[in-house]
Amino acid sequence: MQKYRNQIIGSLIFMLAVVVGVVVFFNARDLAKKLGEFPLWIFLPVIGLKFVNWVLRYCEWQYFLRVI
């Protein structure tokens, strides 16, 4: 279990490093301005589609585990 915890922590640290790198590489003010202009109503369908994708992947893996 500790192996998975360490992998998750490592992934979160890597993700944070990528976000910081993007903010440093690009102009942070311009990036914040563009994110502020992004229509927020688009986030709800995107999150819904991601959830459906996760459910379908889970079902797919359960099928593969039954077949194997």
PDB file of N, CA and C in Angstrom:
ATOM      1  N   MET A   1       0.819  -1.192   0.000  1.00  0.00           N
ATOM      2  CA  MET A   1       0.000   0.000   0.000  1.00  0.00           C
ATOM      3  C   MET A   1       0.864   1.257   0.000  1.00  0.00           C
ATOM      4  N   GLN A   2       2.000   1.166   0.686  1.00  0.00           N
ATOM      5  CA  GLN A   2       2.891   2.323   0.743  1.00  0.00           C
ATOM      6  C   GLN A   2       3.498   2.606  -0.632  1.00  0.00           C
ATOM      7  N   LYS A   3       3.664   1.552  -1.440  1.00  0.00           N
ATOM      8  CA  LYS A   3       4.182   1.734  -2.793  1.00  0.00           C
ATOM      9  C   LYS A   3       3.247   2.635  -3.599  1.00  0.00           C
ATOM     10  N   TYR A   4       1.947   2.376  -3.505  1.00  0.00           N
ATOM     11  CA  TYR A   4       0.971   3.178  -4.245  1.00  0.00           C
ATOM     12  C   TYR A   4       0.914   4.603  -3.719  1.00  0.00           C
ATOM     13  N   ARG A   5       1.023   4.744  -2.400  1.00  0.00           N
ATOM     14  CA  ARG A   5       1.014   6.081  -1.811  1.00  0.00           C
ATOM     15  C   ARG A   5       2.199   6.887  -2.325  1.00  0.00           C
ATOM     16  N   ASN A   6       3.362   6.267  -2.386  1.00  0.00           N
ATOM     17  CA  ASN A   6       4.551   6.957  -2.885  1.00  0.00           C
ATOM     18  C   ASN A   6       4.411   7.313  -4.360  1.00  0.00           C
ATOM     19  N   GLN A   7       3.791   6.441  -5.136  1.00  0.00           N
ATOM     20  CA  GLN A   7       3.575   6.736  -6.550  1.00  0.00           C
ATOM     21  C   GLN A   7       2.610   7.899  -6.726  1.00  0.00           C
ATOM     22  N   ILE A   8       1.569   7.945  -5.919  1.00  0.00           N
ATOM     23  CA  ILE A   8       0.608   9.047  -6.003  1.00  0.00           C
ATOM     24  C   ILE A   8       1.271  10.354  -5.604  1.00  0.00           C
ATOM     25  N   ILE A   9       2.040  10.336  -4.538  1.00  0.00           N
ATOM     26  CA  ILE A   9       2.735  11.555  -4.104  1.00  0.00           C
ATOM     27  C   ILE A   9       3.718  12.007  -5.173  1.00  0.00           C
ATOM     28  N   GLY A  10       4.447  11.077  -5.763  1.00  0.00           N
ATOM     29  CA  GLY A  10       5.378  11.427  -6.836  1.00  0.00           C
ATOM     30  C   GLY A  10       4.671  12.023  -8.036  1.00  0.00           C
ATOM     31  N   SER A  11       3.524  11.474  -8.379  1.00  0.00           N
ATOM     32  CA  SER A  11       2.750  12.008  -9.504  1.00  0.00           C
ATOM     33  C   SER A  11       2.247  13.412  -9.216  1.00  0.00           C
ATOM     34  N   LEU A  12       1.796  13.658  -7.993  1.00  0.00           N
ATOM     35  CA  LEU A  12       1.324  14.993  -7.626  1.00  0.00           C
ATOM     36  C   LEU A  12       2.456  16.015  -7.656  1.00  0.00           C
ATOM     37  N   ILE A  13       3.632  15.612  -7.197  1.00  0.00           N
ATOM     38  CA  ILE A  13       4.788  16.512  -7.242  1.00  0.00           C
ATOM     39  C   ILE A  13       5.160  16.817  -8.686  1.00  0.00           C
ATOM     40  N   PHE A  14       5.146  15.800  -9.546  1.00  0.00           N
ATOM     41  CA  PHE A  14       5.450  16.020 -10.961  1.00  0.00           C
ATOM     42  C   PHE A  14       4.425  16.943 -11.602  1.00  0.00           C
ATOM     43  N   MET A  15       3.141  16.739 -11.289  1.00  0.00           N
ATOM     44  CA  MET A  15       2.088  17.584 -11.841  1.00  0.00           C
ATOM     45  C   MET A  15       2.276  19.031 -11.397  1.00  0.00           C
ATOM     46  N   LEU A  16       2.603  19.237 -10.143  1.00  0.00           N
ATOM     47  CA  LEU A  16       2.839  20.582  -9.634  1.00  0.00           C
ATOM     48  C   LEU A  16       4.031  21.221 -10.335  1.00  0.00           C
ATOM     49  N   ALA A  17       5.086  20.446 -10.576  1.00  0.00           N
ATOM     50  CA  ALA A  17       6.259  20.972 -11.276  1.00  0.00           C
ATOM     51  C   ALA A  17       5.907  21.381 -12.702  1.00  0.00           C
ATOM     52  N   VAL A  18       5.063  20.609 -13.374  1.00  0.00           N
ATOM     53  CA  VAL A  18       4.651  20.954 -14.736  1.00  0.00           C
ATOM     54  C   VAL A  18       3.844  22.245 -14.742  1.00  0.00           C
ATOM     55  N   VAL A  19       2.918  22.389 -13.798  1.00  0.00           N
ATOM     56  CA  VAL A  19       2.102  23.607 -13.729  1.00  0.00           C
ATOM     57  C   VAL A  19       2.982  24.815 -13.451  1.00  0.00           C
ATOM     58  N   VAL A  20       3.903  24.691 -12.511  1.00  0.00           N
ATOM     59  CA  VAL A  20       4.815  25.801 -12.209  1.00  0.00           C
ATOM     60  C   VAL A  20       5.676  26.113 -13.424  1.00  0.00           C
ATOM     61  N   GLY A  21       6.138  25.095 -14.127  1.00  0.00           N
ATOM     62  CA  GLY A  21       6.939  25.317 -15.326  1.00  0.00           C
ATOM     63  C   GLY A  21       6.171  26.052 -16.408  1.00  0.00           C
ATOM     64  N   VAL A  22       4.917  25.704 -16.602  1.00  0.00           N
ATOM     65  CA  VAL A  22       4.094  26.390 -17.608  1.00  0.00           C
ATOM     66  C   VAL A  22       3.893  27.846 -17.224  1.00  0.00           C
ATOM     67  N   VAL A  23       3.615  28.093 -15.944  1.00  0.00           N
ATOM     68  CA  VAL A  23       3.396  29.470 -15.493  1.00  0.00           C
ATOM     69  C   VAL A  23       4.671  30.291 -15.632  1.00  0.00           C
ATOM     70  N   VAL A  24       5.812  29.694 -15.339  1.00  0.00           N
ATOM     71  CA  VAL A  24       7.082  30.422 -15.449  1.00  0.00           C
ATOM     72  C   VAL A  24       7.449  30.635 -16.908  1.00  0.00           C
ATOM     73  N   PHE A  25       7.264  29.615 -17.741  1.00  0.00           N
ATOM     74  CA  PHE A  25       7.659  29.714 -19.143  1.00  0.00           C
ATOM     75  C   PHE A  25       6.811  30.737 -19.890  1.00  0.00           C
ATOM     76  N   PHE A  26       5.516  30.689 -19.659  1.00  0.00           N
ATOM     77  CA  PHE A  26       4.623  31.664 -20.281  1.00  0.00           C
ATOM     78  C   PHE A  26       4.417  32.807 -19.303  1.00  0.00           C
ATOM     79  N   ASN A  27       3.961  33.897 -19.794  1.00  0.00           N
ATOM     80  CA  ASN A  27       3.721  35.046 -18.938  1.00  0.00           C
ATOM     81  C   ASN A  27       2.527  34.748 -18.030  1.00  0.00           C
ATOM     82  N   ALA A  28       2.734  34.823 -16.728  1.00  0.00           N
ATOM     83  CA  ALA A  28       1.693  34.459 -15.766  1.00  0.00           C
ATOM     84  C   ALA A  28       0.489  35.392 -15.866  1.00  0.00           C
ATOM     85  N   ARG A  29       0.711  36.667 -16.118  1.00  0.00           N
ATOM     86  CA  ARG A  29      -0.411  37.608 -16.220  1.00  0.00           C
ATOM     87  C   ARG A  29      -1.265  37.311 -17.446  1.00  0.00           C
ATOM     88  N   ASP A  30      -0.611  37.041 -18.571  1.00  0.00           N
ATOM     89  CA  ASP A  30      -1.372  36.702 -19.778  1.00  0.00           C
ATOM     90  C   ASP A  30      -2.152  35.400 -19.588  1.00  0.00           C
ATOM     91  N   LEU A  31      -1.519  34.442 -18.926  1.00  0.00           N
ATOM     92  CA  LEU A  31      -2.184  33.170 -18.676  1.00  0.00           C
ATOM     93  C   LEU A  31      -3.415  33.368 -17.791  1.00  0.00           C
ATOM     94  N   ALA A  32      -3.289  34.162 -16.739  1.00  0.00           N
ATOM     95  CA  ALA A  32      -4.429  34.435 -15.855  1.00  0.00           C
ATOM     96  C   ALA A  32      -5.523  35.189 -16.600  1.00  0.00           C
ATOM     97  N   LYS A  33      -5.128  36.091 -17.487  1.00  0.00           N
ATOM     98  CA  LYS A  33      -6.110  36.850 -18.269  1.00  0.00           C
ATOM     99  C   LYS A  33      -6.901  35.918 -19.187  1.00  0.00           C
ATOM    100  N   LYS A  34      -6.199  35.024 -19.863  1.00  0.00           N
ATOM    101  CA  LYS A  34      -6.872  34.081 -20.763  1.00  0.00           C
ATOM    102  C   LYS A  34      -7.782  33.124 -19.996  1.00  0.00           C
ATOM    103  N   LEU A  35      -7.339  32.660 -18.838  1.00  0.00           N
ATOM    104  CA  LEU A  35      -8.195  31.781 -18.038  1.00  0.00           C
ATOM    105  C   LEU A  35      -9.428  32.520 -17.540  1.00  0.00           C
ATOM    106  N   GLY A  36      -9.279  33.811 -17.257  1.00  0.00           N
ATOM    107  CA  GLY A  36     -10.422  34.612 -16.834  1.00  0.00           C
ATOM    108  C   GLY A  36     -11.430  34.819 -17.944  1.00  0.00           C
ATOM    109  N   GLU A  37     -10.975  34.818 -19.187  1.00  0.00           N
ATOM    110  CA  GLU A  37     -11.863  34.992 -20.337  1.00  0.00           C
ATOM    111  C   GLU A  37     -12.541  33.691 -20.765  1.00  0.00           C
ATOM    112  N   PHE A  38     -12.061  32.551 -20.245  1.00  0.00           N
ATOM    113  CA  PHE A  38     -12.604  31.255 -20.643  1.00  0.00           C
ATOM    114  C   PHE A  38     -14.016  31.101 -20.096  1.00  0.00           C
ATOM    115  N   PRO A  39     -14.982  30.706 -20.941  1.00  0.00           N
ATOM    116  CA  PRO A  39     -16.367  30.561 -20.460  1.00  0.00           C
ATOM    117  C   PRO A  39     -16.499  29.401 -19.464  1.00  0.00           C
ATOM    118  N   LEU A  40     -16.984  29.710 -18.282  1.00  0.00           N
ATOM    119  CA  LEU A  40     -17.061  28.712 -17.215  1.00  0.00           C
ATOM    120  C   LEU A  40     -18.114  27.641 -17.470  1.00  0.00           C
ATOM    121  N   TRP A  41     -19.121  27.934 -18.296  1.00  0.00           N
ATOM    122  CA  TRP A  41     -20.179  26.954 -18.530  1.00  0.00           C
ATOM    123  C   TRP A  41     -19.651  25.727 -19.270  1.00  0.00           C
ATOM    124  N   ILE A  42     -18.478  25.815 -19.854  1.00  0.00           N
ATOM    125  CA  ILE A  42     -17.911  24.674 -20.582  1.00  0.00           C
ATOM    126  C   ILE A  42     -17.356  23.624 -19.617  1.00  0.00           C
ATOM    127  N   PHE A  43     -16.969  24.040 -18.414  1.00  0.00           N
ATOM    128  CA  PHE A  43     -16.362  23.104 -17.475  1.00  0.00           C
ATOM    129  C   PHE A  43     -17.303  21.976 -17.060  1.00  0.00           C
ATOM    130  N   LEU A  44     -18.574  22.256 -16.862  1.00  0.00           N
ATOM    131  CA  LEU A  44     -19.518  21.228 -16.413  1.00  0.00           C
ATOM    132  C   LEU A  44     -19.642  20.072 -17.413  1.00  0.00           C
ATOM    133  N   PRO A  45     -19.848  20.334 -18.716  1.00  0.00           N
ATOM    134  CA  PRO A  45     -19.888  19.201 -19.656  1.00  0.00           C
ATOM    135  C   PRO A  45     -18.555  18.456 -19.747  1.00  0.00           C
ATOM    136  N   VAL A  46     -17.456  19.182 -19.629  1.00  0.00           N
ATOM    137  CA  VAL A  46     -16.144  18.528 -19.696  1.00  0.00           C
ATOM    138  C   VAL A  46     -15.968  17.582 -18.512  1.00  0.00           C
ATOM    139  N   ILE A  47     -16.325  18.041 -17.324  1.00  0.00           N
ATOM    140  CA  ILE A  47     -16.215  17.192 -16.141  1.00  0.00           C
ATOM    141  C   ILE A  47     -17.160  15.996 -16.257  1.00  0.00           C
ATOM    142  N   GLY A  48     -18.358  16.213 -16.790  1.00  0.00           N
ATOM    143  CA  GLY A  48     -19.293  15.112 -17.003  1.00  0.00           C
ATOM    144  C   GLY A  48     -18.758  14.076 -17.978  1.00  0.00           C
ATOM    145  N   LEU A  49     -18.164  14.534 -19.060  1.00  0.00           N
ATOM    146  CA  LEU A  49     -17.594  13.603 -20.037  1.00  0.00           C
ATOM    147  C   LEU A  49     -16.412  12.836 -19.453  1.00  0.00           C
ATOM    148  N   LYS A  50     -15.604  13.507 -18.635  1.00  0.00           N
ATOM    149  CA  LYS A  50     -14.489  12.814 -17.988  1.00  0.00           C
ATOM    150  C   LYS A  50     -15.008  11.722 -17.056  1.00  0.00           C
ATOM    151  N   PHE A  51     -16.081  12.015 -16.328  1.00  0.00           N
ATOM    152  CA  PHE A  51     -16.654  11.024 -15.425  1.00  0.00           C
ATOM    153  C   PHE A  51     -17.168   9.815 -16.206  1.00  0.00           C
ATOM    154  N   VAL A  52     -17.853  10.065 -17.312  1.00  0.00           N
ATOM    155  CA  VAL A  52     -18.343   8.971 -18.160  1.00  0.00           C
ATOM    156  C   VAL A  52     -17.165   8.150 -18.679  1.00  0.00           C
ATOM    157  N   ASN A  53     -16.084   8.815 -19.057  1.00  0.00           N
ATOM    158  CA  ASN A  53     -14.888   8.127 -19.528  1.00  0.00           C
ATOM    159  C   ASN A  53     -14.321   7.222 -18.435  1.00  0.00           C
ATOM    160  N   TRP A  54     -14.261   7.716 -17.205  1.00  0.00           N
ATOM    161  CA  TRP A  54     -13.747   6.901 -16.099  1.00  0.00           C
ATOM    162  C   TRP A  54     -14.629   5.687 -15.854  1.00  0.00           C
ATOM    163  N   VAL A  55     -15.939   5.861 -15.933  1.00  0.00           N
ATOM    164  CA  VAL A  55     -16.856   4.737 -15.726  1.00  0.00           C
ATOM    165  C   VAL A  55     -16.662   3.694 -16.823  1.00  0.00           C
ATOM    166  N   LEU A  56     -16.547   4.143 -18.065  1.00  0.00           N
ATOM    167  CA  LEU A  56     -16.344   3.202 -19.169  1.00  0.00           C
ATOM    168  C   LEU A  56     -15.005   2.478 -19.045  1.00  0.00           C
ATOM    169  N   ARG A  57     -13.976   3.175 -18.633  1.00  0.00           N
ATOM    170  CA  ARG A  57     -12.679   2.516 -18.432  1.00  0.00           C
ATOM    171  C   ARG A  57     -12.758   1.474 -17.327  1.00  0.00           C
ATOM    172  N   TYR A  58     -13.461   1.821 -16.250  1.00  0.00           N
ATOM    173  CA  TYR A  58     -13.626   0.866 -15.156  1.00  0.00           C
ATOM    174  C   TYR A  58     -14.338  -0.389 -15.657  1.00  0.00           C
ATOM    175  N   CYS A  59     -15.402  -0.212 -16.408  1.00  0.00           N
ATOM    176  CA  CYS A  59     -16.141  -1.358 -16.953  1.00  0.00           C
ATOM    177  C   CYS A  59     -15.261  -2.177 -17.887  1.00  0.00           C
ATOM    178  N   GLU A  60     -14.461  -1.500 -18.687  1.00  0.00           N
ATOM    179  CA  GLU A  60     -13.567  -2.198 -19.605  1.00  0.00           C
ATOM    180  C   GLU A  60     -12.556  -3.051 -18.837  1.00  0.00           C
ATOM    181  N   TRP A  61     -11.965  -2.486 -17.800  1.00  0.00           N
ATOM    182  CA  TRP A  61     -10.992  -3.247 -17.025  1.00  0.00           C
ATOM    183  C   TRP A  61     -11.643  -4.406 -16.289  1.00  0.00           C
ATOM    184  N   GLN A  62     -12.847  -4.216 -15.794  1.00  0.00           N
ATOM    185  CA  GLN A  62     -13.543  -5.320 -15.137  1.00  0.00           C
ATOM    186  C   GLN A  62     -13.802  -6.446 -16.133  1.00  0.00           C
ATOM    187  N   TYR A  63     -14.135  -6.098 -17.360  1.00  0.00           N
ATOM    188  CA  TYR A  63     -14.337  -7.104 -18.408  1.00  0.00           C
ATOM    189  C   TYR A  63     -13.031  -7.847 -18.685  1.00  0.00           C
ATOM    190  N   PHE A  64     -11.934  -7.099 -18.844  1.00  0.00           N
ATOM    191  CA  PHE A  64     -10.644  -7.730 -19.120  1.00  0.00           C
ATOM    192  C   PHE A  64     -10.222  -8.650 -17.977  1.00  0.00           C
ATOM    193  N   LEU A  65     -10.460  -8.225 -16.746  1.00  0.00           N
ATOM    194  CA  LEU A  65     -10.085  -9.063 -15.611  1.00  0.00           C
ATOM    195  C   LEU A  65     -10.910 -10.344 -15.568  1.00  0.00           C
ATOM    196  N   ARG A  66     -12.161 -10.287 -15.980  1.00  0.00           N
ATOM    197  CA  ARG A  66     -12.984 -11.490 -16.026  1.00  0.00           C
ATOM    198  C   ARG A  66     -12.504 -12.429 -17.126  1.00  0.00           C
ATOM    199  N   VAL A  67     -12.101 -11.864 -18.268  1.00  0.00           N
ATOM    200  CA  VAL A  67     -11.664 -12.684 -19.398  1.00  0.00           C
ATOM    201  C   VAL A  67     -10.343 -13.372 -19.076  1.00  0.00           C
ATOM    202  N   ILE A  68      -9.454 -12.643 -18.430  1.00  0.00           N
ATOM    203  CA  ILE A  68      -8.140 -13.221 -18.096  1.00  0.00           C
ATOM    204  C   ILE A  68      -8.328 -14.177 -16.947  1.00  0.00           C
TER     205      ILE A  68
END
